[in-house]
N, C-alpha and C. Protein backbone atom coordinates (compact mmCIF):
# COMPACT_ATOMS: atom_id res chain seq x y z
N MET A 1 15.44 46.90 26.23
CA MET A 1 14.03 47.26 26.32
C MET A 1 13.39 47.04 24.96
N GLY A 2 12.24 46.38 24.95
CA GLY A 2 11.53 46.18 23.70
C GLY A 2 10.77 47.43 23.30
N LYS A 3 10.83 47.77 22.00
CA LYS A 3 10.14 48.97 21.50
C LYS A 3 8.64 48.74 21.38
N ASP A 4 8.25 47.51 21.04
CA ASP A 4 6.84 47.23 20.82
C ASP A 4 6.56 45.79 21.25
N LYS A 5 5.32 45.35 21.06
CA LYS A 5 4.94 44.01 21.52
C LYS A 5 5.70 42.91 20.80
N PHE A 6 6.14 43.17 19.56
CA PHE A 6 6.88 42.14 18.82
C PHE A 6 8.29 41.98 19.40
N GLU A 7 8.94 43.10 19.69
CA GLU A 7 10.26 43.01 20.33
C GLU A 7 10.12 42.43 21.73
N ASN A 8 9.06 42.80 22.44
CA ASN A 8 8.82 42.22 23.76
C ASN A 8 8.70 40.70 23.66
N ASP A 9 7.98 40.24 22.65
CA ASP A 9 7.79 38.80 22.46
C ASP A 9 9.13 38.11 22.19
N ASP A 10 9.99 38.75 21.38
CA ASP A 10 11.32 38.19 21.12
C ASP A 10 12.14 38.11 22.41
N LEU A 11 12.05 39.16 23.22
CA LEU A 11 12.78 39.16 24.48
C LEU A 11 12.29 38.05 25.41
N ILE A 12 10.98 37.81 25.39
CA ILE A 12 10.42 36.71 26.20
C ILE A 12 10.93 35.37 25.68
N THR A 13 10.90 35.21 24.36
CA THR A 13 11.26 33.93 23.74
C THR A 13 12.75 33.62 23.88
N TYR A 14 13.60 34.63 23.68
CA TYR A 14 15.04 34.37 23.58
C TYR A 14 15.84 34.86 24.78
N GLY A 15 15.18 35.03 25.93
CA GLY A 15 15.92 35.41 27.13
C GLY A 15 16.81 34.26 27.59
N PHE A 16 17.69 34.54 28.53
CA PHE A 16 18.61 33.53 29.06
C PHE A 16 18.04 32.94 30.36
N PRO A 17 17.77 31.66 30.39
CA PRO A 17 17.33 31.07 31.66
C PRO A 17 18.53 30.92 32.59
N GLU A 18 18.58 31.69 33.65
CA GLU A 18 19.78 31.78 34.47
C GLU A 18 19.77 30.82 35.66
N ASP A 19 20.94 30.33 36.00
CA ASP A 19 21.17 29.56 37.21
C ASP A 19 22.26 30.27 37.99
N ILE A 20 22.56 29.78 39.23
CA ILE A 20 23.51 30.50 40.08
C ILE A 20 24.94 30.50 39.52
N TRP A 21 25.36 29.50 38.70
CA TRP A 21 26.74 29.46 38.21
C TRP A 21 26.95 30.23 36.92
N VAL A 22 25.83 30.74 36.39
CA VAL A 22 25.93 31.43 35.12
C VAL A 22 26.37 32.87 35.34
N ILE A 23 26.97 33.50 34.33
CA ILE A 23 27.56 34.82 34.44
C ILE A 23 26.54 35.93 34.73
N TYR A 24 25.35 35.94 34.08
CA TYR A 24 24.38 37.03 34.25
C TYR A 24 23.00 36.54 34.67
N PHE A 25 22.18 37.52 35.16
CA PHE A 25 20.79 37.20 35.54
C PHE A 25 19.86 38.24 34.91
N ASN A 26 18.76 37.83 34.28
CA ASN A 26 17.81 38.73 33.61
C ASN A 26 16.57 38.96 34.46
N PHE A 27 15.99 40.14 34.33
CA PHE A 27 14.74 40.47 35.00
C PHE A 27 13.87 41.23 34.03
N VAL A 28 12.57 41.12 34.24
CA VAL A 28 11.66 41.88 33.40
C VAL A 28 10.85 42.82 34.29
N PHE A 29 10.75 44.06 33.85
CA PHE A 29 9.91 45.05 34.52
C PHE A 29 8.77 45.37 33.58
N HIS A 30 7.58 45.51 34.12
CA HIS A 30 6.42 45.74 33.26
C HIS A 30 5.36 46.48 34.07
N VAL A 31 4.63 47.38 33.42
CA VAL A 31 3.55 48.08 34.10
C VAL A 31 2.39 47.12 34.30
N ASP A 32 1.94 47.00 35.56
CA ASP A 32 0.89 46.05 35.89
C ASP A 32 -0.43 46.44 35.22
N LYS A 33 -0.99 45.51 34.45
CA LYS A 33 -2.30 45.64 33.79
C LYS A 33 -2.35 46.71 32.71
N LEU A 34 -1.22 47.25 32.32
CA LEU A 34 -1.16 48.20 31.21
C LEU A 34 -0.08 47.73 30.24
N SER A 35 -0.25 48.05 28.94
CA SER A 35 0.79 47.67 28.00
C SER A 35 1.96 48.63 28.15
N SER A 36 3.15 48.10 28.05
CA SER A 36 4.35 48.94 28.16
C SER A 36 5.53 48.17 27.58
N ALA A 37 6.64 48.88 27.47
CA ALA A 37 7.88 48.22 27.06
C ALA A 37 8.33 47.29 28.18
N HIS A 38 8.99 46.20 27.80
CA HIS A 38 9.62 45.32 28.79
C HIS A 38 11.06 45.79 28.93
N VAL A 39 11.50 46.05 30.15
CA VAL A 39 12.86 46.48 30.42
C VAL A 39 13.58 45.33 31.10
N TYR A 40 14.71 44.95 30.57
CA TYR A 40 15.49 43.86 31.15
C TYR A 40 16.75 44.41 31.80
N VAL A 41 17.10 43.85 32.95
CA VAL A 41 18.34 44.19 33.64
C VAL A 41 19.16 42.92 33.71
N ARG A 42 20.39 43.01 33.29
CA ARG A 42 21.28 41.84 33.36
C ARG A 42 22.30 42.12 34.45
N LEU A 43 22.26 41.31 35.50
CA LEU A 43 23.13 41.54 36.65
C LEU A 43 24.48 40.86 36.47
N GLN A 44 25.39 41.21 37.36
CA GLN A 44 26.74 40.65 37.36
C GLN A 44 26.73 39.28 38.03
N PRO A 45 27.77 38.49 37.81
CA PRO A 45 27.85 37.16 38.43
C PRO A 45 27.72 37.25 39.95
N GLY A 46 26.98 36.32 40.51
CA GLY A 46 26.82 36.28 41.96
C GLY A 46 25.66 37.09 42.49
N GLN A 47 25.15 38.03 41.71
CA GLN A 47 24.01 38.81 42.16
C GLN A 47 22.72 38.04 41.92
N THR A 48 21.72 38.32 42.71
CA THR A 48 20.40 37.74 42.49
C THR A 48 19.41 38.88 42.30
N TRP A 49 18.22 38.53 41.88
CA TRP A 49 17.22 39.56 41.64
C TRP A 49 16.83 40.28 42.92
N LEU A 50 17.08 39.68 44.07
CA LEU A 50 16.78 40.32 45.34
C LEU A 50 17.86 41.32 45.75
N ASP A 51 19.01 41.29 45.03
CA ASP A 51 20.12 42.20 45.33
C ASP A 51 20.07 43.50 44.54
N ILE A 52 19.09 43.67 43.67
CA ILE A 52 19.06 44.88 42.84
C ILE A 52 18.93 46.09 43.77
N PRO A 53 19.84 47.05 43.65
CA PRO A 53 19.73 48.26 44.49
C PRO A 53 18.41 48.99 44.23
N ALA A 54 17.88 49.61 45.26
CA ALA A 54 16.60 50.31 45.16
C ALA A 54 16.63 51.39 44.08
N GLU A 55 17.81 52.04 43.92
CA GLU A 55 17.92 53.11 42.90
C GLU A 55 17.75 52.53 41.50
N VAL A 56 18.28 51.33 41.26
CA VAL A 56 18.16 50.70 39.95
C VAL A 56 16.70 50.30 39.70
N VAL A 57 16.05 49.77 40.73
CA VAL A 57 14.64 49.41 40.60
C VAL A 57 13.83 50.66 40.27
N ASP A 58 14.11 51.76 40.97
CA ASP A 58 13.38 53.01 40.72
C ASP A 58 13.63 53.53 39.30
N ASP A 59 14.89 53.45 38.84
CA ASP A 59 15.21 53.88 37.47
C ASP A 59 14.45 53.05 36.45
N CYS A 60 14.43 51.73 36.65
CA CYS A 60 13.72 50.84 35.73
C CYS A 60 12.22 51.14 35.74
N ALA A 61 11.69 51.38 36.92
CA ALA A 61 10.26 51.69 37.03
C ALA A 61 9.94 52.98 36.29
N GLN A 62 10.82 53.97 36.37
CA GLN A 62 10.61 55.23 35.65
C GLN A 62 10.68 55.01 34.14
N LEU A 63 11.62 54.17 33.70
CA LEU A 63 11.73 53.86 32.27
C LEU A 63 10.47 53.18 31.76
N VAL A 64 9.97 52.22 32.53
CA VAL A 64 8.77 51.50 32.13
C VAL A 64 7.59 52.45 32.05
N LYS A 65 7.44 53.29 33.07
CA LYS A 65 6.33 54.25 33.07
C LYS A 65 6.43 55.18 31.87
N ALA A 66 7.64 55.69 31.62
CA ALA A 66 7.83 56.64 30.52
C ALA A 66 7.58 56.00 29.17
N ASN A 67 7.76 54.69 29.07
CA ASN A 67 7.59 53.99 27.80
C ASN A 67 6.29 53.20 27.73
N SER A 68 5.34 53.58 28.53
CA SER A 68 3.99 53.01 28.46
C SER A 68 3.04 54.12 28.03
N ILE A 69 2.35 53.94 26.91
CA ILE A 69 1.45 54.98 26.40
C ILE A 69 0.40 55.33 27.45
N GLU A 70 -0.23 54.32 28.03
CA GLU A 70 -1.26 54.57 29.03
C GLU A 70 -0.65 54.93 30.38
N GLY A 71 0.38 54.16 30.79
CA GLY A 71 0.98 54.36 32.11
C GLY A 71 1.65 55.71 32.25
N ASN A 72 2.16 56.27 31.16
CA ASN A 72 2.84 57.55 31.22
C ASN A 72 1.86 58.68 31.54
N LYS A 73 0.61 58.50 31.19
CA LYS A 73 -0.40 59.55 31.41
C LYS A 73 -0.99 59.49 32.82
N LYS A 74 -0.78 58.39 33.53
CA LYS A 74 -1.40 58.19 34.83
C LYS A 74 -0.40 58.37 35.95
N ASN A 75 -0.90 58.79 37.09
CA ASN A 75 -0.11 58.82 38.32
C ASN A 75 -0.52 57.63 39.17
N GLY A 76 0.36 57.22 40.04
CA GLY A 76 0.05 56.12 40.95
C GLY A 76 -0.10 54.78 40.26
N ILE A 77 0.93 54.37 39.49
CA ILE A 77 0.88 53.07 38.82
C ILE A 77 1.77 52.07 39.57
N THR A 78 1.56 50.82 39.29
CA THR A 78 2.39 49.76 39.88
C THR A 78 3.23 49.12 38.78
N VAL A 79 4.52 49.03 39.02
CA VAL A 79 5.44 48.34 38.11
C VAL A 79 5.80 47.02 38.77
N ILE A 80 5.74 45.93 38.00
CA ILE A 80 6.08 44.62 38.55
C ILE A 80 7.38 44.13 37.94
N TYR A 81 8.12 43.34 38.69
CA TYR A 81 9.34 42.73 38.14
C TYR A 81 9.54 41.34 38.72
N THR A 82 10.23 40.51 37.94
CA THR A 82 10.41 39.10 38.29
C THR A 82 11.61 38.55 37.53
N PRO A 83 12.21 37.47 37.98
CA PRO A 83 13.28 36.85 37.20
C PRO A 83 12.75 36.38 35.85
N TRP A 84 13.62 36.41 34.85
CA TRP A 84 13.23 36.01 33.49
C TRP A 84 12.67 34.59 33.47
N ASP A 85 13.27 33.69 34.23
CA ASP A 85 12.82 32.30 34.17
C ASP A 85 11.46 32.08 34.83
N ASN A 86 10.91 33.12 35.42
CA ASN A 86 9.56 33.04 35.99
C ASN A 86 8.49 33.43 34.98
N LEU A 87 8.91 33.96 33.82
CA LEU A 87 7.94 34.33 32.79
C LEU A 87 7.33 33.08 32.17
N LYS A 88 6.04 33.16 31.90
CA LYS A 88 5.34 32.00 31.33
C LYS A 88 4.54 32.45 30.12
N LYS A 89 4.82 31.83 28.99
CA LYS A 89 4.12 32.12 27.74
C LYS A 89 3.33 30.87 27.38
N THR A 90 2.03 31.01 27.26
CA THR A 90 1.19 29.86 26.94
C THR A 90 0.57 30.03 25.55
N PRO A 91 0.22 28.92 24.90
CA PRO A 91 -0.42 29.02 23.59
C PRO A 91 -1.70 29.85 23.68
N GLY A 92 -1.93 30.65 22.67
CA GLY A 92 -3.13 31.48 22.64
C GLY A 92 -2.93 32.87 23.21
N MET A 93 -1.79 33.10 23.89
CA MET A 93 -1.52 34.44 24.40
C MET A 93 -1.20 35.37 23.24
N GLU A 94 -1.56 36.61 23.39
CA GLU A 94 -1.27 37.60 22.35
C GLU A 94 0.22 37.90 22.32
N THR A 95 0.67 38.46 21.21
CA THR A 95 2.07 38.83 21.06
C THR A 95 2.46 39.79 22.18
N GLY A 96 3.57 39.49 22.84
CA GLY A 96 4.08 40.35 23.92
C GLY A 96 3.43 40.11 25.26
N GLN A 97 2.39 39.29 25.29
CA GLN A 97 1.71 39.02 26.55
C GLN A 97 2.43 37.91 27.31
N VAL A 98 2.41 38.01 28.63
CA VAL A 98 3.13 37.05 29.45
C VAL A 98 2.43 36.89 30.80
N THR A 99 2.60 35.75 31.42
CA THR A 99 2.14 35.53 32.79
C THR A 99 3.32 34.93 33.57
N PHE A 100 3.07 34.37 34.75
CA PHE A 100 4.16 33.92 35.60
C PHE A 100 3.95 32.48 36.05
N HIS A 101 5.05 31.78 36.25
CA HIS A 101 5.00 30.43 36.81
C HIS A 101 4.66 30.50 38.30
N ASN A 102 5.27 31.45 38.99
CA ASN A 102 5.12 31.55 40.44
C ASN A 102 4.89 33.01 40.82
N ASN A 103 3.68 33.32 41.25
CA ASN A 103 3.36 34.70 41.61
C ASN A 103 4.09 35.19 42.85
N LYS A 104 4.63 34.26 43.64
CA LYS A 104 5.40 34.67 44.82
C LYS A 104 6.75 35.26 44.43
N LYS A 105 7.18 34.99 43.20
CA LYS A 105 8.46 35.55 42.72
C LYS A 105 8.24 36.83 41.92
N VAL A 106 7.15 37.52 42.16
CA VAL A 106 6.85 38.79 41.48
C VAL A 106 6.84 39.89 42.53
N LYS A 107 7.64 40.92 42.29
CA LYS A 107 7.67 42.08 43.21
C LYS A 107 7.00 43.25 42.54
N ARG A 108 6.46 44.13 43.35
CA ARG A 108 5.77 45.32 42.85
C ARG A 108 6.41 46.57 43.40
N VAL A 109 6.45 47.60 42.55
CA VAL A 109 6.97 48.90 42.94
C VAL A 109 5.91 49.95 42.60
N PHE A 110 5.58 50.77 43.56
CA PHE A 110 4.60 51.83 43.32
C PHE A 110 5.32 53.06 42.77
N VAL A 111 4.82 53.59 41.66
CA VAL A 111 5.40 54.80 41.06
C VAL A 111 4.35 55.90 41.14
N GLU A 112 4.60 56.87 41.98
CA GLU A 112 3.64 57.95 42.18
C GLU A 112 3.47 58.78 40.92
N LYS A 113 4.62 59.21 40.36
CA LYS A 113 4.55 60.04 39.14
C LYS A 113 5.85 59.92 38.37
N ARG A 114 5.81 60.38 37.14
CA ARG A 114 7.02 60.38 36.31
C ARG A 114 7.97 61.46 36.82
N ILE A 115 9.24 61.08 36.93
CA ILE A 115 10.27 62.04 37.35
C ILE A 115 11.12 62.30 36.11
N ASN A 116 10.90 63.45 35.50
CA ASN A 116 11.55 63.78 34.23
C ASN A 116 13.08 63.80 34.34
N GLU A 117 13.62 64.24 35.47
CA GLU A 117 15.08 64.29 35.63
C GLU A 117 15.68 62.88 35.48
N VAL A 118 15.00 61.89 36.06
CA VAL A 118 15.48 60.50 35.98
C VAL A 118 15.36 59.99 34.54
N VAL A 119 14.21 60.19 33.92
CA VAL A 119 13.99 59.72 32.56
C VAL A 119 14.97 60.38 31.60
N ASN A 120 15.19 61.69 31.75
CA ASN A 120 16.13 62.41 30.87
C ASN A 120 17.56 61.90 31.06
N ARG A 121 17.94 61.67 32.31
CA ARG A 121 19.30 61.15 32.59
C ARG A 121 19.48 59.79 31.91
N LEU A 122 18.49 58.93 32.02
CA LEU A 122 18.58 57.60 31.41
C LEU A 122 18.56 57.68 29.88
N ASN A 123 17.75 58.57 29.34
CA ASN A 123 17.67 58.70 27.88
C ASN A 123 18.98 59.21 27.28
N LYS A 124 19.77 59.97 28.05
CA LYS A 124 21.06 60.48 27.55
C LYS A 124 22.06 59.34 27.35
N THR A 125 21.88 58.24 28.08
CA THR A 125 22.82 57.11 27.95
C THR A 125 22.27 56.02 27.04
N LYS A 126 21.13 56.28 26.44
CA LYS A 126 20.45 55.27 25.62
C LYS A 126 21.25 54.93 24.35
N ILE A 127 21.36 53.65 24.09
CA ILE A 127 22.00 53.16 22.86
C ILE A 127 21.01 52.22 22.20
N GLU A 128 20.71 52.45 20.93
CA GLU A 128 19.77 51.58 20.22
C GLU A 128 20.53 50.54 19.43
N ARG A 129 20.16 49.28 19.63
CA ARG A 129 20.75 48.17 18.89
C ARG A 129 19.63 47.29 18.38
N GLN A 130 19.92 46.53 17.37
CA GLN A 130 18.97 45.54 16.85
C GLN A 130 19.68 44.18 16.88
N PRO A 131 19.87 43.62 18.08
CA PRO A 131 20.60 42.35 18.16
C PRO A 131 19.77 41.21 17.60
N ASP A 132 20.48 40.19 17.14
CA ASP A 132 19.82 38.96 16.71
C ASP A 132 19.65 38.11 17.97
N LEU A 133 18.48 38.25 18.59
CA LEU A 133 18.25 37.58 19.87
C LEU A 133 18.31 36.06 19.76
N MET A 134 17.84 35.53 18.63
CA MET A 134 17.89 34.08 18.45
C MET A 134 19.34 33.60 18.40
N LEU A 135 20.18 34.32 17.66
CA LEU A 135 21.59 33.95 17.56
C LEU A 135 22.28 34.06 18.92
N GLU A 136 21.98 35.14 19.67
CA GLU A 136 22.56 35.29 21.00
C GLU A 136 22.16 34.12 21.90
N LYS A 137 20.91 33.70 21.79
CA LYS A 137 20.41 32.58 22.60
C LYS A 137 21.13 31.29 22.23
N ILE A 138 21.31 31.05 20.93
CA ILE A 138 22.00 29.84 20.46
C ILE A 138 23.44 29.83 20.97
N GLN A 139 24.12 30.99 20.85
CA GLN A 139 25.50 31.08 21.33
C GLN A 139 25.59 30.85 22.83
N ARG A 140 24.64 31.41 23.55
CA ARG A 140 24.63 31.25 25.00
C ARG A 140 24.42 29.79 25.37
N GLU A 141 23.50 29.11 24.68
CA GLU A 141 23.25 27.70 24.97
C GLU A 141 24.49 26.85 24.68
N LYS A 142 25.26 27.21 23.64
CA LYS A 142 26.51 26.50 23.36
C LYS A 142 27.48 26.66 24.52
N ILE A 143 27.59 27.89 25.03
CA ILE A 143 28.48 28.16 26.16
C ILE A 143 28.01 27.37 27.38
N ASP A 144 26.70 27.36 27.62
CA ASP A 144 26.16 26.62 28.77
C ASP A 144 26.48 25.13 28.65
N ARG A 145 26.31 24.56 27.44
CA ARG A 145 26.59 23.14 27.25
C ARG A 145 28.08 22.86 27.47
N LYS A 146 28.94 23.73 26.94
CA LYS A 146 30.38 23.54 27.11
C LYS A 146 30.77 23.65 28.59
N THR A 147 30.20 24.62 29.28
CA THR A 147 30.48 24.78 30.71
C THR A 147 30.01 23.56 31.48
N ALA A 148 28.85 23.03 31.12
CA ALA A 148 28.31 21.83 31.78
C ALA A 148 29.24 20.64 31.54
N ARG A 149 29.73 20.51 30.29
CA ARG A 149 30.65 19.40 29.98
C ARG A 149 31.94 19.54 30.78
N LEU A 150 32.48 20.77 30.85
CA LEU A 150 33.72 21.00 31.60
C LEU A 150 33.50 20.70 33.08
N SER A 151 32.36 21.11 33.58
CA SER A 151 32.03 20.87 34.98
C SER A 151 31.91 19.37 35.24
N GLU A 152 31.27 18.67 34.32
CA GLU A 152 31.12 17.21 34.44
C GLU A 152 32.48 16.53 34.37
N PHE A 153 33.35 17.01 33.47
CA PHE A 153 34.70 16.45 33.34
C PHE A 153 35.49 16.69 34.62
N ALA A 154 35.40 17.92 35.16
CA ALA A 154 36.12 18.24 36.39
C ALA A 154 35.62 17.37 37.55
N GLU A 155 34.33 17.14 37.59
CA GLU A 155 33.75 16.30 38.64
C GLU A 155 34.26 14.87 38.51
N LYS A 156 34.30 14.34 37.27
CA LYS A 156 34.80 12.97 37.05
C LYS A 156 36.28 12.88 37.42
N GLU A 157 37.05 13.92 37.07
CA GLU A 157 38.48 13.94 37.42
C GLU A 157 38.67 13.92 38.93
N GLU A 158 37.86 14.69 39.64
CA GLU A 158 37.95 14.74 41.10
C GLU A 158 37.60 13.38 41.70
N ILE A 159 36.58 12.72 41.17
CA ILE A 159 36.19 11.38 41.64
C ILE A 159 37.32 10.39 41.38
N ARG A 160 37.94 10.48 40.17
CA ARG A 160 39.06 9.60 39.82
C ARG A 160 40.25 9.83 40.76
N ARG A 161 40.55 11.11 41.05
CA ARG A 161 41.68 11.45 41.92
C ARG A 161 41.45 10.91 43.34
N LEU A 162 40.22 11.09 43.86
CA LEU A 162 39.91 10.59 45.20
C LEU A 162 39.98 9.07 45.26
N ALA A 163 39.49 8.41 44.20
CA ALA A 163 39.55 6.95 44.15
C ALA A 163 41.00 6.47 44.15
N GLU A 164 41.86 7.17 43.41
CA GLU A 164 43.29 6.82 43.36
C GLU A 164 43.94 7.02 44.73
N GLU A 165 43.61 8.11 45.41
CA GLU A 165 44.14 8.35 46.76
C GLU A 165 43.69 7.25 47.72
N ASN A 166 42.43 6.86 47.63
CA ASN A 166 41.90 5.79 48.48
C ASN A 166 42.61 4.47 48.19
N ARG A 167 42.83 4.18 46.89
CA ARG A 167 43.50 2.95 46.51
C ARG A 167 44.92 2.91 47.08
N ARG A 168 45.65 4.05 46.98
CA ARG A 168 47.00 4.14 47.50
C ARG A 168 47.03 3.95 49.02
N ALA A 169 46.08 4.60 49.71
CA ALA A 169 46.02 4.49 51.17
C ALA A 169 45.73 3.05 51.59
N GLU A 170 44.80 2.39 50.89
CA GLU A 170 44.49 0.99 51.20
C GLU A 170 45.70 0.10 50.96
N LYS A 171 46.46 0.36 49.89
CA LYS A 171 47.65 -0.44 49.57
C LYS A 171 48.69 -0.27 50.68
N GLU A 172 48.88 0.98 51.15
CA GLU A 172 49.85 1.21 52.23
C GLU A 172 49.44 0.46 53.49
N ILE A 173 48.14 0.49 53.80
CA ILE A 173 47.66 -0.23 54.99
C ILE A 173 47.85 -1.74 54.81
N ASN A 174 47.51 -2.25 53.63
CA ASN A 174 47.67 -3.69 53.36
C ASN A 174 49.13 -4.09 53.40
N ASP A 175 50.04 -3.23 52.90
CA ASP A 175 51.47 -3.53 52.94
C ASP A 175 51.98 -3.60 54.38
N LEU A 176 51.41 -2.77 55.27
CA LEU A 176 51.82 -2.80 56.67
C LEU A 176 51.50 -4.15 57.31
N PHE A 177 50.42 -4.76 56.88
CA PHE A 177 49.96 -6.01 57.49
C PHE A 177 50.17 -7.22 56.59
N ASP A 178 51.13 -7.15 55.67
CA ASP A 178 51.45 -8.28 54.81
C ASP A 178 52.19 -9.33 55.64
N THR A 179 51.58 -10.49 55.82
CA THR A 179 52.16 -11.53 56.67
C THR A 179 53.50 -12.02 56.13
N ASN A 180 53.71 -11.92 54.82
CA ASN A 180 54.99 -12.33 54.23
C ASN A 180 56.11 -11.38 54.63
N GLN A 181 55.76 -10.16 54.95
CA GLN A 181 56.76 -9.17 55.31
C GLN A 181 56.97 -9.10 56.83
N MET A 182 56.14 -9.79 57.59
CA MET A 182 56.22 -9.70 59.05
C MET A 182 57.34 -10.59 59.59
N LYS A 183 58.00 -10.12 60.64
CA LYS A 183 59.04 -10.88 61.32
C LYS A 183 58.72 -10.92 62.80
N SER A 184 59.02 -12.04 63.41
CA SER A 184 58.72 -12.20 64.84
C SER A 184 59.84 -11.57 65.67
N ASN A 185 59.47 -11.04 66.81
CA ASN A 185 60.45 -10.51 67.75
C ASN A 185 60.94 -11.58 68.72
N TRP A 186 60.30 -12.71 68.69
CA TRP A 186 60.58 -13.76 69.66
C TRP A 186 61.76 -14.61 69.20
N ARG A 187 62.74 -14.78 70.13
CA ARG A 187 63.89 -15.65 69.87
C ARG A 187 64.17 -16.43 71.14
N GLU A 188 64.43 -17.70 70.95
CA GLU A 188 64.63 -18.55 72.13
C GLU A 188 65.84 -18.10 72.93
N THR A 189 66.93 -17.80 72.25
CA THR A 189 68.14 -17.44 72.98
C THR A 189 67.97 -16.15 73.75
N GLU A 190 67.30 -15.21 73.19
CA GLU A 190 67.08 -13.94 73.89
C GLU A 190 66.24 -14.17 75.14
N VAL A 191 65.27 -15.06 75.03
CA VAL A 191 64.41 -15.34 76.18
C VAL A 191 65.25 -16.02 77.28
N ASP A 192 66.09 -17.00 76.87
CA ASP A 192 66.95 -17.66 77.85
C ASP A 192 67.89 -16.67 78.51
N ASP A 193 68.48 -15.81 77.71
CA ASP A 193 69.41 -14.81 78.24
C ASP A 193 68.73 -13.91 79.25
N ILE A 194 67.49 -13.53 78.94
CA ILE A 194 66.76 -12.64 79.86
C ILE A 194 66.47 -13.37 81.16
N ASP A 195 66.06 -14.65 81.06
CA ASP A 195 65.77 -15.40 82.29
C ASP A 195 67.04 -15.55 83.16
N ALA A 196 68.18 -15.83 82.51
CA ALA A 196 69.45 -15.98 83.26
C ALA A 196 69.84 -14.66 83.90
N ALA A 197 69.64 -13.60 83.16
CA ALA A 197 70.00 -12.29 83.69
C ALA A 197 69.13 -11.95 84.90
N GLU A 198 67.88 -12.33 84.85
CA GLU A 198 66.98 -12.05 85.97
C GLU A 198 67.41 -12.86 87.21
N GLU A 199 67.85 -14.12 87.01
CA GLU A 199 68.28 -14.92 88.14
C GLU A 199 69.52 -14.36 88.78
N ASP A 200 70.48 -13.90 87.92
CA ASP A 200 71.70 -13.29 88.45
C ASP A 200 71.37 -12.04 89.26
N PHE A 201 70.42 -11.29 88.81
CA PHE A 201 70.05 -10.03 89.45
C PHE A 201 69.46 -10.29 90.82
N MET A 202 68.69 -11.33 90.92
CA MET A 202 68.04 -11.63 92.18
C MET A 202 69.02 -12.22 93.12
């Protein structure tokens, strides 16, 4: 969670653009039309932003409300959330300000009032860190590039293996029909013997 608009801006700038094969997925929660802290949730592999349990969404909404100077004083606010890669920062926007690429990928949660029990429970587990977000982003991009190279290598290996199997199968088929290796079943004496045997039988 960003403490102020500058930390929020860093979180916007240095978030992880997630795809389905990547280990984690980021989301941003924000009080609609009011300034507040940005709360990010990083999900486990295989989860999508549509899989967030309702309790987690409610906890995040309470955190956002509690950490919004204006939103904390009001009842009946709307908290919005969206995947990190849907955030859009354009030139001229103020520090910490953000919009969206696709408004259809934005969900809203209505928060009637602050629930102190929830906020207190979450604050008890709070850990403050000052991570180097730029460094984390650089390291993550290195991992992504390495994973992409490994994936590309594995794909090329699979193509090579299939091509080798096809080559072997074609060789076996061609060997079956090699005219130099073929022998005739026809023999004059065998044919004569069969004809004589048939005459004797009759």
